[in-house]
Every structure is written in C-alpha cells, then in structure tokens.
C-alpha cells in the first residue's frame, strides 16, 4: 500500500507505536513496547526488534492482533508481525518459523548448581512446597503467582528457590535470584549514585524474580516502595514472582499492609522440620554424593541426634566423616557417637530457636505484646525487655549485630552493642533479672529442662 512505500521500517513502527500507546496502559507500554524497533518490512512480514526472548513470546501470544491491527493501516491488510531478538532468528506466530535463540541468563543471576528438584529430598513436611515450586517452574506466571514459601532456617526454602531458577533458565527465561538484603543494598546504591532508572530496568525487564528472606525489607520504607512497584509491574504482566521468608506475611509486623496483601494473592506454603524418614533419606543422598559408604545404623544415629534443621543434620554427617577420617577408621555407630558427643551434650541447641521465638518468649515473660519490643516505646519495662531480647538473640543464635537490630525494630548495630553491654551489667546486679532470664531459658530449652529434671 502507498502509506508504507516511502517510509523506513522504523518510521512505520514509530507511527504504529503512537497508536499502540493510546490503546495499552502506560506500564504495559513501558515494559513491552518502549524498547522495540522496526527492523524490516518485506513480503507482508514486518519484523519487530525486541530486547529479549520473553518479550518476543509475550508480544506474540498477547499483543499480536493489536500490533497487526495498528500496522494494517500503515502497510497492507495481509501484514504479519514477526518478532526478532537482538538480531537472532525471527519469532513467527504461525509456529512454522525458526525458534528464537535466547541470550544467556544475566550475569547477576547466581544459581547454585547443586540446588535442583532432583537433589531435593521430599518428605511429609515439604511435599506441598515442592509440588507448588515444581508447578511454578513448569508454568511460570500462571500456576501460583506469587508463590510464597516460609519456614525455619535450614529447611530447604533457598534450595527450592534455586531449583525454580534452574528450570526457568533452562527454558530461556531471564531470571533474577537474589536476597531481600541484596535488593535493598542495590536500591540504596542506586539512590546514592543516581542510577535508579537502571535499577528499575534491571528488575522490571526480566521474566522471573526470585527473592529470598523478604522479611528483611520490613520497615525500610523506600525499599518497600520500590519493591511494591516492581512487584506490580511483574505481576500485571504475568511474570513469575517467588518469595521466601522465615514467617508468613501476616506475621511480619513491620511490613506495609499493601505488600502483605499482595504476598497473599497467590499461594502460601510452609516447610516443616523433616521427620525421621526424611532425615534418613537426606543423609543417604548426602553420603552417596560424597562417595562415602556408611551403614544405615550410623545414619540412623545421626538422624536421631539432629532433628530440626537440615544444615545441622548435614553438619553432623560431615563431623562424623571427618572424625573417622582423622582416626583412619570406617565410620561405625561407636565412632559416630564419639564424634557427636559434644553436640549431644548440648541437645537443646537443636531446638528451633529463632529471633522471633526469643522475642515472643521475652514478651510473654514481661507480659508485653511482641510488637512493643519492635516499636519505639521507651518506658522502663519495655526498654529492659528489648535489651534482654537483643542479648538473648546474640547468645542463642548466629545473627550478626545488624541482623539483631533489624529483628528488633530496624535498629542499628551500635544500639545492639550498647544494649547488650548494659544488660550484662544489669543481670549481674539484679536478682529480678536473673529470675527472668532463667524463666526465659526454660521456655526456650524445654528438652534441656526435662533432661535436668530426670
């Protein structure tokens, strides 16, 4: 037709974009059309350049008719849109053309190659979480979006997150797999260096976002604001979001309500501590992977000693193997018992003690709501309870000072240090605080109490 005869493909496409910009929402236009280009027009095929495979597939499946309608008045009634990725083979809607060649995953995607679905040991406590993760990996953006996985430390949340990422990357989907802490650090750097546009483009032009430990952003207003808009952009365009945390959304008091509600839009699944059979299966798989032949009796002993946390379980296995190797003997039940002797004497450490459980125990002992310890109240009882909680988290967990400050209302590390020093002196001088400390210890370590009573 005459309208296209004296125009370049780019000029035709710019005219089409003017019409499309009116017909689609601003976020959709920015995400899918702003980085496209008119490449060529020949034999009724109009080739449109797109930045990645995901964009080509999305436009082909969801916007083809709209695009061709915009091109008809500028080219011919028989025009067919063809999508081309970075100079690669064009992507045709009729399915008869050459496949799109995907660019490699971005350099900022770091997936642990050992964390796959095949290496994930399924049990009663994680079966639903694994099934949901597999469904998301096989049908991203449509099965459950977002998928929210929560559970205690060392139970396999990160493993599933990386397994989803591996499957997505194998299907040529650009993935970002990161932690909420890293997301926050990048956002702060972008603000400082005035590169927020690059930050937005990085996180909003991908096919899948996997975020570990989302509870870290609670209380960080600007980071929450940025993540809120990133979440909306990805979710509105059916791109998969998977989130992990140590607690469900409703148990995050510092998280904005609008984010909490969005986390609850999809599917929320938890991972429970593994039962004995699952622990045994994990140990057998780990032994095979390490190439060590060990009897079932030895593995059974280890499985009974370390009950709550898979990392502790694997650490106990490594301890037994290392001890046997140092002695130059084969691992036996006797050798395993000796290797684990120190751990067994501190069996209470296998209790599921987390910062949340410590805050709850301290709050109950002082007859205060847990939220008060996380807030800004500075009356005598609340301040005392908050200091004691900081001290106990430092004693009972491996949390850093910064992490402790985050758990207790987003306070800085210096405040935690000062609080711990102050409470140590208070405990030594106060019989009242000593009694409180004993009561909280009894609540945190019921196994140790029952053993001592016996």
Protein backbone atom coordinates (compact mmCIF):
# COMPACT_ATOMS: atom_id res chain seq x y z
CA UNK A 1 0.00 0.00 0.00
CA UNK A 2 1.02 3.58 -0.62
CA UNK A 3 1.40 4.64 3.06
CA UNK A 4 4.47 2.39 3.52
CA UNK A 5 6.20 2.97 0.21
CA UNK A 6 8.33 5.96 1.17
CA UNK A 7 8.83 5.16 4.85
CA UNK A 8 11.56 3.17 6.54
CA UNK A 9 10.51 0.22 8.78
CA UNK A 10 11.46 2.30 11.83
CA UNK A 11 9.26 5.20 10.71
CA UNK A 12 6.34 2.82 10.13
CA UNK A 13 6.86 1.26 13.53
CA UNK A 14 7.06 4.65 15.28
CA UNK A 15 3.72 5.55 13.74
CA UNK A 16 2.28 2.22 14.92
CA UNK A 17 3.67 2.83 18.41
CA UNK A 18 1.82 6.14 18.52
CA UNK A 19 -1.44 4.25 18.08
CA UNK A 20 -0.47 1.44 20.45
CA UNK A 21 0.49 3.91 23.17
CA UNK A 22 -3.13 5.07 23.27
CA UNK A 23 -4.55 1.55 23.44
CA UNK A 24 -2.42 -0.04 26.19
CA UNK A 25 -1.72 1.05 29.75
CA UNK A 26 1.36 3.12 30.50
CA UNK A 27 3.12 0.31 32.49
CA UNK A 28 2.41 -2.20 29.70
CA UNK A 29 3.71 0.18 27.05
CA UNK A 30 6.85 0.94 29.03
CA UNK A 31 7.53 -2.75 29.70
CA UNK A 32 6.77 -4.29 26.29
CA UNK A 33 6.93 -1.59 23.61
CA UNK A 34 9.36 1.13 24.67
CA UNK A 35 12.48 -0.85 23.71
CA UNK A 36 11.21 -2.25 20.41
CA UNK A 37 12.23 -1.18 16.90
CA UNK A 38 11.10 -1.59 13.30
CA UNK A 39 13.70 -3.83 11.64
CA UNK A 40 12.38 -4.69 8.16
CA UNK A 41 9.23 -4.96 6.03
CA UNK A 42 9.16 -7.36 3.11
CA UNK A 43 6.62 -9.76 1.58
CA UNK A 44 3.96 -8.66 4.06
CA UNK A 45 6.20 -9.59 7.01
CA UNK A 46 7.01 -6.76 9.39
CA UNK A 47 9.96 -7.65 11.63
CA UNK A 48 9.95 -6.01 15.06
CA UNK A 49 13.16 -6.00 17.12
CA UNK A 50 12.66 -6.82 20.84
CA UNK A 51 15.21 -6.88 23.70
CA UNK A 52 14.79 -10.49 24.87
CA UNK A 53 13.06 -13.81 24.28
CA UNK A 54 10.50 -13.24 26.98
CA UNK A 55 9.33 -10.03 25.30
CA UNK A 56 9.08 -11.83 21.94
CA UNK A 57 6.98 -14.62 23.42
CA UNK A 58 4.74 -12.25 25.37
CA UNK A 59 4.05 -9.96 22.40
CA UNK A 60 3.45 -12.94 20.12
CA UNK A 61 0.91 -14.55 22.47
CA UNK A 62 -0.78 -11.50 23.97
CA UNK A 63 -0.41 -8.45 21.71
CA UNK A 64 -0.16 -9.84 18.17
CA UNK A 65 -3.66 -8.92 16.99
CA UNK A 66 -3.37 -5.39 18.42
CA UNK A 67 0.02 -4.86 16.77
CA UNK A 68 -1.10 -6.17 13.38
CA UNK A 69 -4.23 -4.00 13.52
CA UNK A 70 -2.02 -0.95 14.09
CA UNK A 71 0.24 -1.98 11.17
CA UNK A 72 -2.56 -2.68 8.68
CA UNK A 73 -3.31 1.00 8.07
CA UNK A 74 0.39 1.68 7.60
CA UNK A 75 1.34 -1.32 5.44
CA UNK A 76 -1.11 -3.85 3.99
CA UNK A 77 -4.19 -5.86 5.13
CA UNK A 78 -2.13 -9.07 4.97
CA UNK A 79 0.69 -7.85 7.19
CA UNK A 80 2.12 -10.35 9.66
CA UNK A 81 4.14 -9.26 12.72
CA UNK A 82 7.42 -11.11 13.27
CA UNK A 83 9.46 -10.67 16.47
CA UNK A 84 13.24 -10.77 16.39
CA UNK A 85 15.52 -10.91 19.45
CA UNK A 86 18.80 -8.96 19.22
CA UNK A 87 19.44 -9.92 15.63
CA UNK A 88 18.63 -13.59 16.19
CA UNK A 89 16.19 -15.74 14.20
CA UNK A 90 12.72 -14.16 13.92
CA UNK A 91 9.84 -15.45 16.06
CA UNK A 92 6.75 -16.11 13.92
CA UNK A 93 3.26 -16.54 15.29
CA UNK A 94 2.34 -19.43 12.95
CA UNK A 95 4.82 -21.77 14.64
CA UNK A 96 6.46 -22.74 11.34
CA UNK A 97 9.45 -20.48 11.58
CA UNK A 98 12.83 -20.82 13.19
CA UNK A 99 12.91 -20.80 17.00
CA UNK A 100 14.12 -17.79 18.92
CA UNK A 101 17.65 -18.17 20.23
CA UNK A 102 17.73 -16.97 23.82
CA UNK A 103 20.50 -14.78 25.14
CA UNK A 104 22.38 -16.23 28.10
CA UNK A 105 20.99 -15.54 31.58
CA UNK A 106 22.07 -12.18 33.03
CA UNK A 107 25.37 -12.10 34.88
CA UNK A 108 23.62 -11.08 38.11
CA UNK A 109 21.78 -14.43 38.29
CA UNK A 110 23.77 -16.71 40.57
CA UNK A 111 22.10 -20.10 40.93
CA UNK A 112 23.63 -22.88 42.98
CA UNK A 113 24.03 -25.80 40.51
CA UNK A 114 23.54 -28.31 43.33
CA UNK A 115 20.11 -26.94 44.24
CA UNK A 116 17.83 -28.76 41.79
CA UNK A 117 14.49 -30.54 42.08
CA UNK A 118 16.26 -33.87 41.61
CA UNK A 119 18.53 -33.24 44.60
CA UNK A 120 15.68 -32.03 46.83
CA UNK A 121 14.60 -34.82 49.19
CA UNK A 122 10.82 -34.86 49.50
CA UNK A 123 9.07 -35.66 52.78
CA UNK A 124 5.85 -35.03 54.62
CA UNK A 125 6.99 -31.63 55.85
CA UNK A 126 7.92 -30.21 52.43
CA UNK A 127 5.78 -32.13 49.91
CA UNK A 128 3.31 -29.30 49.25
CA UNK A 129 6.08 -26.71 48.95
CA UNK A 130 8.00 -28.84 46.45
CA UNK A 131 4.85 -29.55 44.38
CA UNK A 132 4.00 -25.84 44.26
CA UNK A 133 7.57 -24.90 43.31
CA UNK A 134 7.58 -27.52 40.52
CA UNK A 135 4.24 -26.26 39.20
CA UNK A 136 5.60 -22.70 39.10
CA UNK A 137 8.78 -23.84 37.34
CA UNK A 138 6.74 -25.70 34.70
CA UNK A 139 4.14 -22.99 34.14
CA UNK A 140 5.61 -19.68 35.33
CA UNK A 141 3.29 -16.73 35.77
CA UNK A 142 0.12 -18.78 35.64
CA UNK A 143 0.07 -21.54 38.29
CA UNK A 144 0.59 -19.60 41.52
CA UNK A 145 1.75 -16.02 41.31
CA UNK A 146 3.24 -15.05 43.66
CA UNK A 147 4.39 -18.23 45.37
CA UNK A 148 5.30 -17.53 48.99
CA UNK A 149 7.34 -20.19 50.83
CA UNK A 150 8.04 -19.83 54.54
CA UNK A 151 9.70 -21.94 57.24
CA UNK A 152 12.56 -22.07 59.71
CA UNK A 153 16.23 -21.78 58.85
CA UNK A 154 17.88 -24.68 57.07
CA UNK A 155 14.71 -26.43 55.88
CA UNK A 156 15.14 -26.05 52.10
CA UNK A 157 13.50 -22.75 51.11
CA UNK A 158 16.58 -21.48 49.28
CA UNK A 159 17.04 -24.90 47.65
CA UNK A 160 13.55 -24.71 46.12
CA UNK A 161 14.10 -21.11 45.06
CA UNK A 162 17.24 -22.03 43.15
CA UNK A 163 15.61 -25.16 41.69
CA UNK A 164 12.85 -22.98 40.21
CA UNK A 165 15.52 -20.65 38.83
CA UNK A 166 17.46 -23.52 37.23
CA UNK A 167 14.32 -24.78 35.49
CA UNK A 168 13.41 -21.28 34.27
CA UNK A 169 16.92 -20.59 32.97
CA UNK A 170 16.84 -23.93 31.10
CA UNK A 171 13.67 -22.69 29.37
CA UNK A 172 15.42 -19.46 28.33
CA UNK A 173 13.65 -17.23 30.85
CA UNK A 174 15.77 -14.41 32.21
CA UNK A 175 15.83 -14.83 35.98
CA UNK A 176 16.99 -12.71 38.88
CA UNK A 177 17.54 -14.74 42.03
CA UNK A 178 18.63 -12.56 44.93
CA UNK A 179 18.06 -11.87 48.60
CA UNK A 180 15.97 -9.04 50.01
CA UNK A 181 19.16 -7.73 51.62
CA UNK A 182 20.93 -7.58 48.25
CA UNK A 183 17.87 -5.93 46.68
CA UNK A 184 17.98 -3.31 49.44
CA UNK A 185 21.73 -2.72 49.04
CA UNK A 186 21.37 -2.29 45.28
CA UNK A 187 18.48 0.12 45.74
CA UNK A 188 20.42 2.23 48.25
CA UNK A 189 23.43 2.30 45.87
CA UNK A 190 21.16 3.33 43.00
CA UNK A 191 19.80 6.22 45.08
CA UNK A 192 23.30 7.31 46.07
CA UNK A 193 24.73 7.06 42.56
CA UNK A 194 21.58 8.41 40.85
CA UNK A 195 21.12 5.24 38.77
CA UNK A 196 17.55 4.41 39.82
CA UNK A 197 16.42 4.15 36.18
CA UNK A 198 18.98 1.38 35.56
CA UNK A 199 17.90 -0.33 38.78
CA UNK A 200 14.24 -0.24 37.69
CA UNK A 201 15.05 -1.54 34.22
CA UNK A 202 17.09 -4.38 35.64
CA UNK A 203 14.31 -5.68 37.88
CA UNK A 204 11.34 -4.91 35.64
CA UNK A 205 12.54 -6.28 32.31
CA UNK A 206 13.02 -9.88 33.44
CA UNK A 207 10.89 -13.00 33.13
CA UNK A 208 11.10 -14.21 36.72
CA UNK A 209 12.01 -12.73 40.11
CA UNK A 210 13.11 -14.96 43.00
CA UNK A 211 13.56 -13.16 46.34
CA UNK A 212 14.98 -14.86 49.44
CA UNK A 213 14.29 -13.66 53.03
CA UNK A 214 11.76 -10.98 52.10
CA UNK A 215 11.21 -10.12 55.79
CA UNK A 216 14.48 -8.15 55.60
CA UNK A 217 12.78 -5.22 53.82
CA UNK A 218 10.17 -4.76 56.58
CA UNK A 219 10.33 -1.24 57.97
CA UNK A 220 12.54 0.09 55.13
CA UNK A 221 10.01 2.46 53.60
CA UNK A 222 11.79 3.44 50.38
CA UNK A 223 12.87 -0.13 49.66
CA UNK A 224 9.32 -1.36 50.26
CA UNK A 225 8.03 1.34 47.90
CA UNK A 226 10.45 0.26 45.18
CA UNK A 227 9.66 -3.42 45.64
CA UNK A 228 5.91 -2.66 45.63
CA UNK A 229 6.11 -1.08 42.17
CA UNK A 230 8.45 -3.82 40.89
CA UNK A 231 6.02 -6.46 42.16
CA UNK A 232 3.06 -4.74 40.46
CA UNK A 233 4.85 -4.40 37.13
CA UNK A 234 5.90 -8.06 37.04
CA UNK A 235 2.59 -9.41 38.35
CA UNK A 236 0.48 -7.32 35.96
CA UNK A 237 2.35 -8.81 33.01
CA UNK A 238 2.14 -12.42 34.27
CA UNK A 239 5.80 -12.75 35.13
CA UNK A 240 6.50 -15.15 37.97
CA UNK A 241 7.46 -13.99 41.46
CA UNK A 242 8.63 -16.40 44.16
CA UNK A 243 9.30 -15.20 47.70
CA UNK A 244 10.71 -16.91 50.79
CA UNK A 245 10.63 -15.88 54.42
CA UNK A 246 11.04 -17.32 57.90
CA UNK A 247 7.40 -16.50 58.69
CA UNK A 248 4.08 -15.97 56.84
CA UNK A 249 3.10 -12.48 55.63
CA UNK A 250 0.63 -11.94 58.47
CA UNK A 251 3.46 -12.38 61.00
CA UNK A 252 5.58 -9.54 59.62
CA UNK A 253 4.58 -6.56 61.79
CA UNK A 254 6.96 -4.12 60.06
CA UNK A 255 5.75 -4.93 56.54
CA UNK A 256 3.40 -2.48 54.81
CA UNK A 257 -0.19 -3.74 54.54
CA UNK A 258 -0.31 -3.25 50.76
CA UNK A 259 2.72 -5.52 50.32
CA UNK A 260 1.41 -8.06 52.81
CA UNK A 261 -1.87 -8.32 50.91
CA UNK A 262 -0.06 -8.80 47.60
CA UNK A 263 2.05 -11.60 49.04
CA UNK A 264 -1.23 -13.32 49.92
CA UNK A 265 -2.63 -13.06 46.38
CA UNK A 266 -1.10 -16.33 45.20
CA UNK A 267 -0.24 -19.44 47.18
CA UNK A 268 1.37 -19.54 50.63
CA UNK A 269 3.06 -22.80 51.62
CA UNK A 270 5.20 -23.69 54.60
CA UNK A 271 8.06 -26.14 55.12
CA UNK A 272 8.07 -28.09 58.35
CA UNK A 273 11.11 -29.73 60.01
CA UNK A 274 11.81 -33.12 58.40
CA UNK A 275 10.55 -36.32 60.01
CA UNK A 276 12.89 -39.21 60.81
CA UNK A 277 12.40 -40.96 57.45
CA UNK A 278 13.13 -37.75 55.53
CA UNK A 279 16.23 -37.04 57.61
CA UNK A 280 17.47 -40.54 56.91
CA UNK A 281 16.85 -40.12 53.16
CA UNK A 282 18.73 -36.81 53.20
CA UNK A 283 21.71 -38.42 54.93
CA UNK A 284 21.72 -41.33 52.47
CA UNK A 285 21.68 -38.95 49.49
CA UNK A 286 24.44 -36.81 51.03
CA UNK A 287 26.59 -39.90 51.69
CA UNK A 288 26.21 -41.05 48.10
CA UNK A 289 27.10 -37.59 46.83
CA UNK A 290 30.25 -37.58 48.99
CA UNK A 291 31.16 -41.06 47.81
CA UNK A 292 31.28 -42.49 51.35
CA UNK A 293 29.89 -45.92 52.11
CA UNK A 294 28.33 -45.85 55.58
CA UNK A 295 25.97 -48.23 57.36
CA UNK A 296 22.31 -47.44 57.95
CA UNK A 297 22.83 -47.72 61.72
CA UNK A 298 25.29 -44.81 61.66
CA UNK A 299 22.94 -42.66 59.59
CA UNK A 300 20.06 -43.56 61.89
CA UNK A 301 22.05 -42.36 64.91
CA UNK A 302 22.84 -39.05 63.21
CA UNK A 303 19.19 -38.65 62.15
CA UNK A 304 18.05 -39.09 65.76
CA UNK A 305 20.59 -36.60 67.12
CA UNK A 306 19.91 -33.72 64.67
CA UNK A 307 16.16 -33.38 64.28
CA UNK A 308 15.16 -29.83 63.43
CA UNK A 309 17.47 -28.38 60.83
CA UNK A 310 18.86 -29.86 57.61
CA UNK A 311 22.03 -27.78 57.84
CA UNK A 312 22.70 -29.13 61.32
CA UNK A 313 21.91 -32.62 60.01
CA UNK A 314 24.44 -32.34 57.19
CA UNK A 315 26.94 -30.72 59.53
CA UNK A 316 26.66 -33.69 61.90
CA UNK A 317 27.27 -36.08 59.00
CA UNK A 318 30.35 -34.11 57.94
CA UNK A 319 31.57 -34.16 61.55
CA UNK A 320 31.30 -37.94 61.73
CA UNK A 321 33.07 -38.43 58.41
CA UNK A 322 35.88 -36.02 59.37
CA UNK A 323 36.33 -37.68 62.78
CA UNK A 324 36.55 -41.15 61.21
CA UNK A 325 39.00 -39.91 58.59
CA UNK A 326 41.28 -38.36 61.21
CA UNK A 327 41.36 -41.66 63.08
CA UNK A 328 41.83 -43.63 59.87
CA UNK A 329 38.84 -45.88 60.57
CA UNK A 330 35.50 -46.74 58.98
CA UNK A 331 32.53 -44.80 60.46
CA UNK A 332 30.71 -47.02 62.95
CA UNK A 333 27.96 -46.36 65.46
CA UNK A 334 30.60 -46.06 68.22
CA UNK A 335 32.73 -43.65 66.19
CA UNK A 336 29.65 -41.59 65.29
CA UNK A 337 28.57 -41.43 68.95
CA UNK A 338 32.02 -40.17 69.96
CA UNK A 339 32.09 -37.61 67.14
CA UNK A 340 28.70 -36.27 68.16
CA UNK A 341 29.35 -36.43 71.90
CA UNK A 342 29.80 -32.65 72.31
CA UNK A 343 26.72 -31.96 70.26
CA UNK A 344 24.65 -34.47 72.21
CA UNK A 345 25.60 -32.81 75.48
CA UNK A 346 24.02 -29.64 74.08
CA UNK A 347 20.97 -31.25 72.57
CA UNK A 348 18.88 -28.20 73.31
CA UNK A 349 20.69 -26.40 70.51
CA UNK A 350 18.65 -28.47 68.07
CA UNK A 351 15.54 -26.69 69.31
CA UNK A 352 14.12 -24.36 66.70
CA UNK A 353 15.34 -21.17 68.36
CA UNK A 354 14.93 -18.11 66.15
CA UNK A 355 14.92 -14.37 66.82
CA UNK A 356 11.12 -14.47 66.55
CA UNK A 357 10.81 -17.22 69.18
CA UNK A 358 13.16 -15.32 71.52
CA UNK A 359 11.20 -12.08 71.14
CA UNK A 360 7.98 -13.98 71.82
CA UNK A 361 9.42 -15.68 74.94
CA UNK A 362 10.77 -12.41 76.35
CA UNK A 363 7.50 -10.58 75.64
CA UNK A 364 5.49 -13.28 77.39
CA UNK A 365 7.82 -13.27 80.40
CA UNK A 366 7.41 -9.49 80.76
CA UNK A 367 3.69 -9.69 79.90
CA UNK A 368 4.07 -7.36 76.94
CA UNK A 369 2.87 -7.65 73.31
CA UNK A 370 5.71 -8.69 70.99
CA UNK A 371 5.02 -5.59 68.88
CA UNK A 372 6.07 -3.36 71.79
CA UNK A 373 9.62 -4.78 71.69
CA UNK A 374 9.80 -3.99 67.97
CA UNK A 375 8.36 -0.50 68.35
CA UNK A 376 9.67 2.78 69.76
CA UNK A 377 8.26 2.75 73.29
CA UNK A 378 10.92 3.66 75.84
CA UNK A 379 9.26 3.03 79.22
CA UNK A 380 11.34 1.10 81.76
CA UNK A 381 9.81 -2.37 81.32
CA UNK A 382 9.72 -2.27 77.51
CA UNK A 383 13.31 -0.99 77.27
CA UNK A 384 14.51 -3.67 79.69
CA UNK A 385 12.70 -6.43 77.80
CA UNK A 386 14.05 -5.18 74.48
CA UNK A 387 17.63 -5.19 75.77
CA UNK A 388 17.20 -8.69 77.14
CA UNK A 389 15.83 -9.88 73.80
CA UNK A 390 18.85 -8.43 71.97
CA UNK A 391 21.20 -10.09 74.46
CA UNK A 392 19.50 -13.48 74.12
CA UNK A 393 19.44 -13.37 70.32
CA UNK A 394 23.18 -12.66 70.42
CA UNK A 395 23.72 -15.59 72.81
CA UNK A 396 21.35 -18.14 71.27
CA UNK A 397 21.70 -17.58 67.52
CA UNK A 398 24.35 -16.81 64.92
CA UNK A 399 22.73 -13.49 64.00
CA UNK A 400 25.02 -10.53 63.37
CA UNK A 401 24.58 -7.26 65.25
CA UNK A 402 22.96 -5.75 62.16
CA UNK A 403 20.53 -8.66 61.89
CA UNK A 404 19.63 -8.37 65.57
CA UNK A 405 18.97 -4.67 65.13
CA UNK A 406 16.76 -5.43 62.13
CA UNK A 407 14.75 -8.01 64.08
CA UNK A 408 14.21 -5.56 66.96
CA UNK A 409 12.57 -2.75 65.04
CA UNK A 410 15.26 -1.89 62.49
CA UNK A 411 17.77 -0.51 64.99
CA UNK A 412 21.45 -0.06 64.16
CA UNK A 413 24.31 -2.32 65.26
CA UNK A 414 25.68 0.27 67.68
CA UNK A 415 22.38 0.29 69.59
CA UNK A 416 22.52 -3.50 69.88
CA UNK A 417 26.09 -3.42 71.19
CA UNK A 418 25.22 -0.79 73.80
CA UNK A 419 22.10 -2.70 74.87
CA UNK A 420 23.98 -5.99 75.29
CA UNK A 421 26.71 -4.33 77.39
CA UNK A 422 24.13 -2.62 79.57
CA UNK A 423 22.06 -5.76 80.17
CA UNK A 424 25.11 -7.84 81.15
CA UNK A 425 25.79 -5.44 84.00
CA UNK A 426 22.12 -5.30 84.96
CA UNK A 427 21.85 -9.11 85.12
CA UNK A 428 24.83 -9.41 87.45
CA UNK A 429 23.36 -6.81 89.80
CA UNK A 430 19.68 -7.78 89.71
CA UNK A 431 18.16 -10.99 91.21
CA UNK A 432 14.90 -9.99 89.45
CA UNK A 433 16.56 -10.09 86.01
CA UNK A 434 18.32 -13.35 86.83
CA UNK A 435 14.94 -14.96 87.57
CA UNK A 436 13.52 -13.56 84.33
CA UNK A 437 16.49 -14.94 82.41
CA UNK A 438 16.05 -18.41 83.98
CA UNK A 439 12.33 -18.41 83.12
CA UNK A 440 13.02 -17.49 79.52
CA UNK A 441 15.74 -20.16 79.24
CA UNK A 442 13.27 -22.78 80.48
CA UNK A 443 10.82 -21.75 77.81
CA UNK A 444 13.44 -21.76 75.04
CA UNK A 445 15.06 -25.06 76.07
CA UNK A 446 12.35 -27.49 77.17
CA UNK A 447 14.49 -30.52 76.27
CA UNK A 448 17.33 -29.39 78.47
CA UNK A 449 14.88 -28.80 81.33
CA UNK A 450 13.35 -32.25 81.07
CA UNK A 451 16.78 -33.85 80.94
CA UNK A 452 17.94 -31.94 84.01
CA UNK A 453 14.74 -32.84 85.86
CA UNK A 454 15.35 -36.50 85.15
